Amino acid sequence: MPFTIAGDWIPEDSQKEKQLPKRPVKIRKEKRRQSWVTVILNLRGSAEELKELTKDLKKKCACGGTLKNGLIEIQGDKVDLIKEFLLKKGIKSQ
């Protein structure tokens, strides 16, 4: 908390919010038992936006998927297809 020399309290700017560090969006494929799952990490957005993005990705990839704890999981090895889709949406990925 900032104070002046006289001891008066100065409120912080409400517009200066602590921002989370920007992390690049990562796309990984993981082996789960006998099948592959493509996982998308570090996506930013509200829960509604992520649900909508998951729905669009499932349609684009023509497969199942889910949203768990901010991670999007798409069934199968769809890394290239997902990278292309996210690029068209304006989301850069590694």
Protein backbone atom coordinates (compact mmCIF):
# COMPACT_ATOMS: atom_id res chain seq x y z
CA MET A 1 0.00 0.00 0.00
CA PRO A 2 1.42 3.36 -0.94
CA PHE A 3 1.55 6.10 1.68
CA THR A 4 2.66 9.73 1.53
CA ILE A 5 5.25 11.24 3.84
CA ALA A 6 2.43 12.66 6.00
CA GLY A 7 1.08 9.15 6.43
CA ASP A 8 -2.00 9.58 4.25
CA TRP A 9 -3.01 6.52 2.32
CA ILE A 10 -3.09 6.83 -1.47
CA PRO A 11 -5.38 4.29 -3.17
CA GLU A 12 -3.85 2.39 -6.04
CA ASP A 13 -5.19 2.84 -9.54
CA SER A 14 -8.09 0.47 -10.06
CA GLN A 15 -7.07 0.23 -13.72
CA LYS A 16 -3.65 -1.14 -12.82
CA GLU A 17 -4.59 -4.74 -12.31
CA LYS A 18 -2.01 -7.38 -11.71
CA GLN A 19 -1.77 -9.10 -15.03
CA LEU A 20 -0.82 -12.70 -15.38
CA PRO A 21 2.33 -13.29 -17.37
CA LYS A 22 1.58 -14.08 -20.97
CA ARG A 23 2.41 -17.64 -21.79
CA PRO A 24 2.47 -18.95 -25.33
CA VAL A 25 -0.28 -21.33 -26.37
CA LYS A 26 1.14 -24.83 -26.63
CA ILE A 27 -0.23 -27.83 -28.48
CA ARG A 28 0.97 -31.26 -27.40
CA LYS A 29 0.02 -34.79 -28.20
CA GLU A 30 -0.02 -37.31 -25.38
CA LYS A 31 -0.30 -41.07 -25.36
CA ARG A 32 -3.20 -42.22 -23.20
CA ARG A 33 -3.33 -45.99 -22.92
CA GLN A 34 -3.57 -47.09 -26.54
CA SER A 35 -4.70 -43.85 -28.17
CA TRP A 36 -3.50 -40.28 -28.72
CA VAL A 37 -4.94 -37.08 -27.26
CA THR A 38 -4.05 -33.56 -28.43
CA VAL A 39 -3.88 -31.11 -25.52
CA ILE A 40 -4.00 -27.31 -25.90
CA LEU A 41 -2.39 -25.43 -23.00
CA ASN A 42 -2.27 -21.78 -21.83
CA LEU A 43 -5.37 -20.53 -23.60
CA ARG A 44 -6.70 -17.25 -22.27
CA GLY A 45 -10.33 -16.32 -22.16
CA SER A 46 -13.50 -16.75 -20.17
CA ALA A 47 -15.10 -20.11 -19.55
CA GLU A 48 -17.76 -19.32 -22.16
CA GLU A 49 -15.14 -18.49 -24.81
CA LEU A 50 -13.18 -21.66 -24.10
CA LYS A 51 -16.36 -23.77 -24.30
CA GLU A 52 -17.18 -22.22 -27.66
CA LEU A 53 -13.62 -22.78 -28.92
CA THR A 54 -13.76 -26.41 -27.79
CA LYS A 55 -17.03 -26.89 -29.64
CA ASP A 56 -15.58 -25.34 -32.82
CA LEU A 57 -12.44 -27.47 -32.60
CA LYS A 58 -14.47 -30.66 -32.21
CA LYS A 59 -16.45 -29.77 -35.33
CA LYS A 60 -13.32 -28.88 -37.31
CA CYS A 61 -11.49 -32.07 -36.31
CA ALA A 62 -14.61 -34.27 -36.58
CA CYS A 63 -13.84 -35.97 -33.27
CA GLY A 64 -14.60 -35.84 -29.57
CA GLY A 65 -13.02 -33.61 -27.00
CA THR A 66 -13.45 -31.86 -23.68
CA LEU A 67 -12.54 -28.81 -21.64
CA LYS A 68 -10.91 -29.66 -18.29
CA ASN A 69 -9.36 -27.11 -15.92
CA GLY A 70 -8.67 -24.63 -18.70
CA LEU A 71 -7.12 -27.27 -20.97
CA ILE A 72 -8.74 -28.39 -24.19
CA GLU A 73 -8.34 -32.08 -24.98
CA ILE A 74 -9.14 -33.31 -28.49
CA GLN A 75 -9.18 -37.02 -29.30
CA GLY A 76 -6.57 -38.20 -31.78
CA ASP A 77 -3.36 -36.80 -33.24
CA LYS A 78 -4.72 -33.51 -34.63
CA VAL A 79 -1.77 -31.15 -33.96
CA ASP A 80 -1.43 -29.79 -37.52
CA LEU A 81 -5.17 -29.32 -37.99
CA ILE A 82 -5.50 -27.49 -34.65
CA LYS A 83 -2.50 -25.22 -35.36
CA GLU A 84 -4.04 -24.22 -38.67
CA PHE A 85 -7.44 -23.58 -37.07
CA LEU A 86 -6.02 -21.47 -34.23
CA LEU A 87 -3.94 -19.42 -36.68
CA LYS A 88 -7.10 -18.58 -38.63
CA LYS A 89 -8.69 -17.47 -35.33
CA GLY A 90 -5.69 -15.21 -34.64
CA ILE A 91 -4.20 -17.32 -31.85
CA LYS A 92 -0.48 -17.95 -32.19
CA SER A 93 0.83 -21.26 -30.94
CA GLN A 94 4.19 -22.93 -30.47
